[in-house]
């Protein structure tokens, strides 16, 4: 089962990837860095959601 943190995490990763790509295309290092940070935050949030899911299944 998918929880809110997993969904939000994947969405953040996608948004970050788009922002990173836009930064590369436009030559904006700031936007590219922001995209990388957002992607990393999304991975953390998804991992948290995965952990919550595992705990829930174990109970």
Protein backbone atom coordinates (compact mmCIF):
# COMPACT_ATOMS: atom_id res chain seq x y z
CA UNK A 1 0.00 0.00 0.00
CA UNK A 2 1.25 3.47 -0.84
CA UNK A 3 1.13 6.22 1.78
CA UNK A 4 1.16 10.03 1.51
CA UNK A 5 4.88 10.36 2.20
CA UNK A 6 5.74 7.97 -0.62
CA UNK A 7 3.54 9.86 -3.09
CA UNK A 8 4.81 13.29 -2.00
CA UNK A 9 8.39 12.04 -2.14
CA UNK A 10 8.06 10.78 -5.70
CA UNK A 11 6.36 14.04 -6.71
CA UNK A 12 9.22 16.07 -5.17
CA UNK A 13 11.76 13.93 -7.00
CA UNK A 14 9.99 14.52 -10.31
CA UNK A 15 9.67 18.26 -9.68
CA UNK A 16 13.35 18.42 -8.75
CA UNK A 17 14.37 16.51 -11.87
CA UNK A 18 12.43 18.94 -14.07
CA UNK A 19 13.94 21.93 -12.28
CA UNK A 20 17.43 20.45 -12.59
CA UNK A 21 16.97 19.80 -16.31
CA UNK A 22 15.62 23.32 -16.85
CA UNK A 23 18.64 24.71 -15.05
CA UNK A 24 20.97 22.73 -17.30
CA UNK A 25 19.17 23.84 -20.45
CA UNK A 26 19.09 27.51 -19.46
CA UNK A 27 22.58 27.46 -17.97
CA UNK A 28 21.28 28.47 -14.54
CA UNK A 29 23.52 26.83 -11.95
CA UNK A 30 21.23 28.08 -9.16
CA UNK A 31 18.15 26.42 -10.64
CA UNK A 32 20.09 23.23 -11.32
CA UNK A 33 21.31 23.14 -7.70
CA UNK A 34 17.79 23.81 -6.39
CA UNK A 35 16.54 20.90 -8.48
CA UNK A 36 19.18 18.57 -7.07
CA UNK A 37 18.29 19.61 -3.52
CA UNK A 38 14.58 19.09 -4.18
CA UNK A 39 15.27 15.64 -5.66
CA UNK A 40 17.29 14.68 -2.59
CA UNK A 41 14.49 15.90 -0.30
CA UNK A 42 12.03 13.80 -2.27
CA UNK A 43 14.20 10.71 -1.89
CA UNK A 44 14.36 11.25 1.87
CA UNK A 45 10.60 11.70 2.12
CA UNK A 46 9.93 8.59 0.03
CA UNK A 47 12.36 6.58 2.16
CA UNK A 48 10.52 7.76 5.27
CA UNK A 49 7.24 6.66 3.70
CA UNK A 50 8.76 3.29 2.79
CA UNK A 51 9.91 2.82 6.40
CA UNK A 52 6.46 3.73 7.73
CA UNK A 53 4.93 1.21 5.34
CA UNK A 54 7.29 -1.56 6.50
CA UNK A 55 6.50 -0.86 10.16
CA UNK A 56 2.78 -0.86 9.42
CA UNK A 57 3.04 -4.20 7.61
CA UNK A 58 5.08 -5.70 10.45
CA UNK A 59 2.37 -4.89 13.01
